[in-house]
N, C-alpha and C. Protein backbone atom coordinates (compact mmCIF):
# COMPACT_ATOMS: atom_id res chain seq x y z
N MET A 1 113.23 118.27 107.00
CA MET A 1 113.17 116.95 108.16
C MET A 1 111.75 117.51 109.01
N LYS A 2 111.40 116.58 109.43
CA LYS A 2 110.17 116.62 110.38
C LYS A 2 110.43 115.99 111.69
N ILE A 3 109.92 116.72 112.63
CA ILE A 3 110.09 116.00 113.96
C ILE A 3 108.86 115.86 114.93
N SER A 4 108.52 114.80 115.35
CA SER A 4 107.49 114.43 115.62
C SER A 4 107.17 114.36 117.23
N ILE A 5 106.89 115.00 118.29
CA ILE A 5 106.63 115.17 119.37
C ILE A 5 105.32 114.35 119.86
N ILE A 6 105.63 113.06 120.70
CA ILE A 6 104.39 112.25 120.82
C ILE A 6 104.57 112.32 122.61
N VAL A 7 103.40 112.75 123.02
CA VAL A 7 103.04 112.84 124.31
C VAL A 7 101.95 112.09 124.73
N PRO A 8 102.36 110.83 125.61
CA PRO A 8 101.13 109.95 126.13
C PRO A 8 100.68 110.73 127.06
N ALA A 9 99.34 110.49 127.14
CA ALA A 9 98.90 111.45 128.26
C ALA A 9 97.31 110.46 128.79
N PHE A 10 97.04 110.49 130.11
CA PHE A 10 96.26 110.06 130.63
C PHE A 10 95.70 110.49 131.81
N ASN A 11 94.48 111.28 131.67
CA ASN A 11 93.92 112.33 132.68
C ASN A 11 94.72 113.12 133.06
N GLU A 12 95.57 113.87 132.11
CA GLU A 12 96.34 114.80 132.20
C GLU A 12 95.60 116.29 132.19
N GLU A 13 94.47 116.60 132.19
CA GLU A 13 93.92 117.90 131.96
C GLU A 13 94.66 118.62 132.91
N LYS A 14 94.60 118.51 134.18
CA LYS A 14 95.55 119.99 134.92
C LYS A 14 97.10 119.91 134.74
N LEU A 15 97.70 119.25 134.22
CA LEU A 15 99.08 119.64 133.72
C LEU A 15 99.50 119.62 131.98
N LEU A 16 98.51 119.39 131.44
CA LEU A 16 98.86 119.37 129.67
C LEU A 16 99.24 120.56 129.14
N GLY A 17 97.87 121.55 129.40
CA GLY A 17 98.21 122.89 128.86
C GLY A 17 99.53 123.55 129.22
N ALA A 18 100.04 123.19 130.47
CA ALA A 18 101.66 123.69 130.81
C ALA A 18 102.65 122.94 129.98
N THR A 19 102.36 121.71 129.92
CA THR A 19 103.40 120.98 129.00
C THR A 19 103.35 121.23 127.69
N LEU A 20 102.05 121.15 127.04
CA LEU A 20 102.28 121.53 125.59
C LEU A 20 102.45 123.22 125.24
N ALA A 21 102.43 124.07 126.51
CA ALA A 21 103.02 125.24 126.20
C ALA A 21 104.07 125.22 126.03
N SER A 22 104.83 124.78 127.05
CA SER A 22 106.46 124.30 127.06
C SER A 22 107.20 123.78 125.85
N ILE A 23 106.19 122.41 125.11
CA ILE A 23 106.53 122.33 124.24
C ILE A 23 106.65 123.13 122.82
N GLN A 24 105.84 123.76 122.87
CA GLN A 24 105.62 124.78 121.59
C GLN A 24 106.40 125.79 122.05
N ALA A 25 106.96 126.42 122.94
CA ALA A 25 107.82 127.37 122.87
C ALA A 25 109.40 126.73 122.49
N ALA A 26 109.96 125.36 123.01
CA ALA A 26 111.12 124.59 122.33
C ALA A 26 110.62 124.63 120.99
N ARG A 27 109.49 124.37 120.56
CA ARG A 27 109.80 124.05 118.84
C ARG A 27 110.16 125.25 118.29
N VAL A 28 110.69 126.51 118.70
CA VAL A 28 110.84 127.52 117.92
C VAL A 28 112.33 127.43 117.65
N ALA A 29 113.09 126.23 118.36
CA ALA A 29 114.27 126.00 117.97
C ALA A 29 114.39 125.13 116.48
N PHE A 30 113.32 124.47 116.67
CA PHE A 30 113.15 123.76 115.05
C PHE A 30 113.04 124.55 114.06
N VAL A 31 112.33 125.43 114.26
CA VAL A 31 112.09 126.43 113.30
C VAL A 31 113.48 127.18 112.66
N ARG A 32 114.19 127.63 113.51
CA ARG A 32 115.53 128.50 113.23
C ARG A 32 116.32 127.23 112.27
N HIS A 33 115.96 126.07 112.83
CA HIS A 33 116.89 125.34 111.59
C HIS A 33 116.30 124.71 110.59
N GLY A 34 115.02 125.38 110.23
CA GLY A 34 114.39 124.84 108.89
C GLY A 34 113.76 123.56 108.95
N TRP A 35 113.45 123.05 110.35
CA TRP A 35 112.82 122.07 110.19
C TRP A 35 111.35 122.23 110.55
N ASP A 36 110.14 120.96 110.35
CA ASP A 36 108.99 121.17 110.33
C ASP A 36 108.68 120.36 111.79
N SER A 37 107.61 120.86 112.56
CA SER A 37 107.53 119.64 113.54
C SER A 37 105.92 119.47 113.70
N GLU A 38 105.67 118.90 114.50
CA GLU A 38 104.00 118.33 115.02
C GLU A 38 104.10 117.69 116.38
N VAL A 39 103.06 118.07 116.99
CA VAL A 39 102.86 117.73 118.52
C VAL A 39 101.59 115.99 118.39
N ILE A 40 101.77 115.61 118.63
CA ILE A 40 100.97 114.24 118.97
C ILE A 40 100.66 114.06 120.05
N VAL A 41 99.53 113.78 120.72
CA VAL A 41 99.19 113.71 121.81
C VAL A 41 98.58 112.25 122.34
N CYS A 42 99.17 111.10 122.63
CA CYS A 42 98.22 110.06 122.82
C CYS A 42 97.40 109.72 123.68
N ASP A 43 96.02 109.74 123.99
CA ASP A 43 95.22 109.94 125.03
C ASP A 43 94.52 108.51 125.38
N ASN A 44 95.13 108.16 126.39
CA ASN A 44 95.10 106.54 126.92
C ASN A 44 93.66 106.39 127.82
N ASN A 45 92.72 106.54 126.63
CA ASN A 45 91.47 106.74 127.54
C ASN A 45 90.85 107.32 128.40
N SER A 46 91.10 108.49 128.71
CA SER A 46 91.31 109.61 129.55
C SER A 46 89.84 109.87 129.97
N THR A 47 89.24 109.95 130.85
CA THR A 47 87.99 110.42 131.16
C THR A 47 87.92 111.71 131.52
N ASP A 48 88.58 112.54 131.38
CA ASP A 48 88.37 113.95 131.62
C ASP A 48 89.02 115.01 130.54
N ARG A 49 89.42 115.81 130.25
CA ARG A 49 89.10 116.90 129.48
C ARG A 49 90.69 116.69 128.92
N THR A 50 91.35 116.19 128.98
CA THR A 50 92.58 115.75 128.30
C THR A 50 92.58 115.76 126.77
N ALA A 51 91.90 115.23 125.93
CA ALA A 51 91.99 115.20 124.51
C ALA A 51 91.20 116.83 124.25
N GLU A 52 90.39 117.36 124.64
CA GLU A 52 89.73 118.57 124.62
C GLU A 52 91.09 119.64 124.55
N ILE A 53 91.63 119.82 125.62
CA ILE A 53 92.87 120.58 125.93
C ILE A 53 93.85 120.49 124.79
N ALA A 54 94.32 119.17 124.73
CA ALA A 54 95.29 118.88 123.77
C ALA A 54 95.33 119.78 122.19
N ARG A 55 93.53 119.48 121.90
CA ARG A 55 93.44 120.03 120.35
C ARG A 55 93.28 121.63 120.45
N GLY A 56 92.94 121.85 121.92
CA GLY A 56 92.86 123.42 121.97
C GLY A 56 94.26 123.85 121.96
N ALA A 57 94.97 123.24 122.01
CA ALA A 57 96.55 123.74 122.06
C ALA A 57 97.24 123.70 120.48
N GLY A 58 96.33 123.06 119.70
CA GLY A 58 97.12 122.65 118.39
C GLY A 58 97.85 121.41 118.33
N ALA A 59 97.42 120.77 119.26
CA ALA A 59 98.05 119.61 118.84
C ALA A 59 97.25 118.12 118.07
N SER A 60 97.82 117.36 117.50
CA SER A 60 96.93 116.21 116.99
C SER A 60 96.52 115.32 118.22
N VAL A 61 95.46 114.31 118.09
CA VAL A 61 95.35 113.51 119.03
C VAL A 61 94.92 112.13 118.29
N VAL A 62 95.35 111.01 118.96
CA VAL A 62 95.44 109.66 118.47
C VAL A 62 94.53 109.16 119.75
N PHE A 63 93.77 108.37 119.68
CA PHE A 63 93.09 107.75 120.90
C PHE A 63 93.51 106.26 121.09
N GLU A 64 93.60 105.72 122.11
CA GLU A 64 94.27 104.71 122.72
C GLU A 64 93.32 103.99 123.56
N PRO A 65 92.43 103.05 123.57
CA PRO A 65 91.59 102.53 124.77
C PRO A 65 92.47 101.71 125.34
N VAL A 66 93.76 101.10 125.42
CA VAL A 66 94.15 100.37 126.26
C VAL A 66 95.60 100.80 127.00
């Protein structure tokens, strides 16, 4: 089973790092069950470092201009 965790984000550079760290810590439970997981950040046309921070935390980034 693969779990996808989707995080919608618009100009979240101040909070995104801590959010993704919390998600990463919670993913440990999936590993215990033998489940694969992924984190996808949907960058809603941010003008700050949101996408860069997400990639740095190991998340996939999908850009949404609207």
